[in-house]
Amino acid sequence: MSRSIGLNETLTEYLRAMNPDEPAALRRCREETATRGDARMQISPEQGAFMAFLAGLTGAKIAVEVGVFTGYSAMAVAKAMKGKFGEQARLYALEKDHDLIALAEKYWADGDVDDVIQPIIGDARKTLAELAAEGLAESVDFMFVDADKTGYGDYYAAALTLLRPGGIILFDNVLWGGSVADPAKNDADTEALRALAKRVRDDDRVDQVFTAIGDGLLIAMKR
């Protein structure tokens, strides 16, 4: 039985060369983020391209991101949305760290998507509930979650309220460096990711696929 191939440096370079050229603003964001001590939190350019492709494929006009970091993923998705819907596109970027939002806003302006991204600083659980109450229930086309792992279950529950039928949600880091498959690992983050994977797998309200993209990307579509 075949399985996903491991990516060494040479194969990674080939993969990136065969993808569309990375926009200059995204490249600057990625390269500058790589100098940070927490750079491991950054998604890869091929994951960003994949997410942008999915946003275009699903015709996403309204999106929500939970966990912004330096803004790369939001910019990638927003570019795809703006390319199709112009200034009518809207991406709600939820982040609790004021400094990260300030940094991300600089990159979004550089990438000419600051007019379609609405940053919201605060607790994401509260913000998601507020968005639903303010009229976004059953209206969101695309969601991406890359935040506190113990909160993934709450974010999934909120997504089922916000997403329209056919809307999709992506959860990042669901392989957690391989910890989820190691019985000896039982920390709170790992257990939360295992619980999410089982919950989504067994939920007849969604169709889902668990992929090995990046550090694991779980994609669910609301039926």
Protein backbone atom coordinates (compact mmCIF):
# COMPACT_ATOMS: atom_id res chain seq x y z
CA MET A 1 0.00 0.00 0.00
CA SER A 2 1.38 3.39 -0.95
CA ARG A 3 1.54 6.26 1.54
CA SER A 4 2.38 9.95 1.53
CA ILE A 5 5.98 10.59 0.58
CA GLY A 6 8.35 12.29 3.00
CA LEU A 7 9.65 15.67 1.84
CA ASN A 8 13.37 16.32 1.93
CA GLU A 9 14.83 19.71 1.01
CA THR A 10 15.28 18.85 -2.67
CA LEU A 11 11.73 17.60 -3.06
CA THR A 12 10.36 20.59 -1.16
CA GLU A 13 12.16 22.94 -3.54
CA TYR A 14 10.74 21.05 -6.53
CA LEU A 15 7.23 21.16 -5.10
CA ARG A 16 7.45 24.91 -4.56
CA ALA A 17 8.87 25.47 -8.02
CA MET A 18 5.90 23.67 -9.59
CA ASN A 19 3.37 25.81 -7.72
CA PRO A 20 2.31 29.29 -8.88
CA ASP A 21 4.82 32.02 -8.08
CA GLU A 22 4.45 33.33 -4.55
CA PRO A 23 3.28 36.97 -4.63
CA ALA A 24 6.00 39.38 -3.53
CA ALA A 25 4.11 40.63 -0.46
CA LEU A 26 3.55 37.08 0.76
CA ARG A 27 7.20 36.27 0.22
CA ARG A 28 8.28 39.31 2.24
CA CYS A 29 5.93 38.33 5.06
CA ARG A 30 7.23 34.76 5.06
CA GLU A 31 10.91 35.69 4.88
CA GLU A 32 10.70 38.30 7.62
CA THR A 33 8.68 35.94 9.81
CA ALA A 34 11.40 33.30 9.36
CA THR A 35 13.75 35.48 11.46
CA ARG A 36 11.46 35.29 14.50
CA GLY A 37 12.01 32.89 17.36
CA ASP A 38 8.51 31.53 16.91
CA ALA A 39 8.79 31.15 13.12
CA ARG A 40 7.75 27.49 13.33
CA MET A 41 4.18 28.75 13.72
CA GLN A 42 4.23 30.04 10.13
CA ILE A 43 2.49 27.94 7.48
CA SER A 44 4.43 26.94 4.37
CA PRO A 45 3.97 28.77 1.06
CA GLU A 46 2.52 25.64 -0.52
CA GLN A 47 -0.07 25.40 2.26
CA GLY A 48 -0.93 29.04 1.70
CA ALA A 49 -1.33 28.39 -2.02
CA PHE A 50 -3.52 25.36 -1.29
CA MET A 51 -5.75 27.38 1.02
CA ALA A 52 -6.07 30.17 -1.54
CA PHE A 53 -6.98 27.55 -4.15
CA LEU A 54 -9.69 26.13 -1.88
CA ALA A 55 -11.06 29.60 -1.23
CA GLY A 56 -11.33 30.17 -4.96
CA LEU A 57 -12.72 26.69 -5.61
CA THR A 58 -15.51 27.17 -3.08
CA GLY A 59 -16.28 30.70 -4.24
CA ALA A 60 -15.51 32.08 -0.80
CA LYS A 61 -16.69 35.65 -0.27
CA ILE A 62 -16.90 35.65 3.53
CA ALA A 63 -14.13 34.03 5.59
CA VAL A 64 -13.09 33.77 9.22
CA GLU A 65 -9.60 33.05 10.52
CA VAL A 66 -8.90 32.16 14.14
CA GLY A 67 -5.26 32.82 14.99
CA VAL A 68 -3.53 35.35 12.75
CA PHE A 69 0.17 35.17 13.73
CA THR A 70 1.96 37.52 11.28
CA GLY A 71 -0.83 37.47 8.71
CA TYR A 72 0.47 35.18 5.95
CA SER A 73 -2.46 32.79 5.74
CA ALA A 74 -5.05 35.56 5.92
CA MET A 75 -3.29 37.43 3.14
CA ALA A 76 -3.14 34.35 0.91
CA VAL A 77 -6.86 33.66 1.30
CA ALA A 78 -7.86 37.33 1.09
CA LYS A 79 -5.98 37.74 -2.19
CA ALA A 80 -7.97 34.89 -3.72
CA MET A 81 -11.24 36.32 -2.42
CA LYS A 82 -10.51 39.88 -3.50
CA GLY A 83 -9.45 38.68 -6.93
CA LYS A 84 -12.96 37.32 -7.43
CA PHE A 85 -15.18 39.67 -5.43
CA GLY A 86 -13.14 42.85 -5.09
CA GLU A 87 -13.85 44.98 -2.05
CA GLN A 88 -17.07 43.05 -1.38
CA ALA A 89 -14.98 40.18 0.01
CA ARG A 90 -14.55 40.10 3.77
CA LEU A 91 -12.17 38.12 5.97
CA TYR A 92 -12.61 38.41 9.73
CA ALA A 93 -9.20 37.91 11.34
CA LEU A 94 -9.48 36.93 15.02
CA GLU A 95 -6.41 37.31 17.23
CA LYS A 96 -5.84 38.00 20.93
CA ASP A 97 -2.37 39.54 20.57
CA HIS A 98 -2.37 43.28 19.78
CA ASP A 99 1.25 43.23 18.63
CA LEU A 100 0.65 40.43 16.14
CA ILE A 101 -2.34 42.24 14.67
CA ALA A 102 -0.26 45.41 14.26
CA LEU A 103 2.43 43.43 12.45
CA ALA A 104 -0.07 41.58 10.28
CA GLU A 105 -1.76 44.83 9.29
CA LYS A 106 1.55 46.07 7.90
CA TYR A 107 1.83 43.01 5.67
CA TRP A 108 -1.82 43.17 4.62
CA ALA A 109 -1.35 46.77 3.49
CA ASP A 110 1.75 45.70 1.58
CA GLY A 111 -0.30 42.98 -0.10
CA ASP A 112 -3.21 45.35 -0.88
CA VAL A 113 -5.74 43.29 1.06
CA ASP A 114 -6.12 45.49 4.13
CA ASP A 115 -9.41 46.77 2.72
CA VAL A 116 -11.01 43.30 2.80
CA ILE A 117 -9.57 42.04 6.11
CA GLN A 118 -11.29 43.06 9.34
CA PRO A 119 -9.07 42.33 12.35
CA ILE A 120 -10.85 41.66 15.65
CA ILE A 121 -8.78 41.55 18.83
CA GLY A 122 -10.05 39.51 21.76
CA ASP A 123 -11.20 36.08 22.85
CA ALA A 124 -12.11 34.13 19.71
CA ARG A 125 -14.88 32.13 21.40
CA LYS A 126 -16.69 35.33 22.31
CA THR A 127 -16.04 36.91 18.92
CA LEU A 128 -17.37 33.89 17.01
CA ALA A 129 -20.58 33.97 19.04
CA GLU A 130 -20.92 37.70 18.38
CA LEU A 131 -20.42 37.23 14.63
CA ALA A 132 -23.19 34.63 14.58
CA ALA A 133 -25.51 36.90 16.56
CA GLU A 134 -24.75 39.83 14.26
CA GLY A 135 -25.99 37.98 11.18
CA LEU A 136 -23.19 35.72 9.97
CA ALA A 137 -24.85 32.45 11.00
CA GLU A 138 -25.10 30.10 8.02
CA SER A 139 -23.24 32.70 5.91
CA VAL A 140 -19.51 31.97 6.17
CA ASP A 141 -17.89 30.24 3.20
CA PHE A 142 -14.41 29.49 4.54
CA MET A 143 -12.78 29.18 7.96
CA PHE A 144 -9.19 28.52 9.02
CA VAL A 145 -8.19 27.73 12.59
CA ASP A 146 -4.58 27.87 13.74
CA ALA A 147 -4.83 28.84 17.39
CA ASP A 148 -4.83 27.29 20.87
CA LYS A 149 -5.29 23.57 20.37
CA THR A 150 -7.40 23.09 23.48
CA GLY A 151 -9.90 25.49 21.94
CA TYR A 152 -10.32 23.57 18.69
CA GLY A 153 -13.44 21.80 19.94
CA ASP A 154 -15.14 25.11 20.75
CA TYR A 155 -14.10 26.58 17.40
CA TYR A 156 -15.55 23.57 15.60
CA ALA A 157 -18.87 23.98 17.38
CA ALA A 158 -18.94 27.66 16.45
CA ALA A 159 -18.08 26.83 12.85
CA LEU A 160 -21.13 24.61 12.50
CA THR A 161 -23.26 27.64 13.35
CA LEU A 162 -21.40 30.08 11.11
CA LEU A 163 -20.76 28.00 7.99
CA ARG A 164 -23.26 27.83 5.16
CA PRO A 165 -24.03 24.39 3.72
CA GLY A 166 -21.04 23.66 1.50
CA GLY A 167 -18.80 25.95 3.52
CA ILE A 168 -15.48 24.54 4.71
CA ILE A 169 -13.30 24.76 7.80
CA LEU A 170 -9.60 23.93 7.98
CA PHE A 171 -7.80 23.03 11.22
CA ASP A 172 -4.01 23.31 11.22
CA ASN A 173 -1.42 21.22 13.12
CA VAL A 174 -3.68 18.20 13.57
CA LEU A 175 -0.70 15.81 13.35
CA TRP A 176 1.12 17.86 16.02
CA GLY A 177 4.57 16.69 14.97
CA GLY A 178 3.40 13.07 15.17
CA SER A 179 2.37 13.28 18.82
CA VAL A 180 -1.26 12.38 18.09
CA ALA A 181 -0.18 8.88 17.03
CA ASP A 182 2.10 8.33 20.03
CA PRO A 183 0.26 6.64 22.95
CA ALA A 184 2.87 8.01 25.34
CA LYS A 185 1.84 11.58 24.57
CA ASN A 186 -1.09 12.70 26.69
CA ASP A 187 -0.62 16.44 27.20
CA ALA A 188 -3.66 18.70 26.89
CA ASP A 189 -2.90 19.89 23.34
CA THR A 190 -2.36 16.39 21.98
CA GLU A 191 -5.49 15.04 23.66
CA ALA A 192 -7.53 17.96 22.31
CA LEU A 193 -6.34 17.28 18.77
CA ARG A 194 -7.16 13.57 19.06
CA ALA A 195 -10.62 14.40 20.36
CA LEU A 196 -11.24 16.83 17.51
CA ALA A 197 -10.19 14.34 14.84
CA LYS A 198 -12.54 11.68 16.22
CA ARG A 199 -15.36 14.15 16.70
CA VAL A 200 -15.19 15.45 13.13
CA ARG A 201 -14.73 11.95 11.69
CA ASP A 202 -17.90 10.73 13.41
CA ASP A 203 -20.03 13.83 12.76
CA ASP A 204 -22.69 13.17 10.12
CA ARG A 205 -23.21 16.92 9.68
CA VAL A 206 -19.97 17.23 7.73
CA ASP A 207 -17.83 15.53 5.12
CA GLN A 208 -14.16 15.55 6.06
CA VAL A 209 -10.65 14.61 5.04
CA PHE A 210 -7.58 14.40 7.29
CA THR A 211 -4.46 15.26 5.28
CA ALA A 212 -0.71 15.27 5.86
CA ILE A 213 -0.28 18.76 4.41
CA GLY A 214 2.14 20.72 6.59
CA ASP A 215 1.78 19.51 10.18
CA GLY A 216 -1.58 17.98 9.30
CA LEU A 217 -4.59 19.79 7.88
CA LEU A 218 -8.11 18.62 8.75
CA ILE A 219 -10.71 19.86 6.26
CA ALA A 220 -14.45 19.57 6.89
CA MET A 221 -17.34 20.68 4.68
CA LYS A 222 -20.73 21.35 6.22
CA ARG A 223 -23.47 19.30 4.59
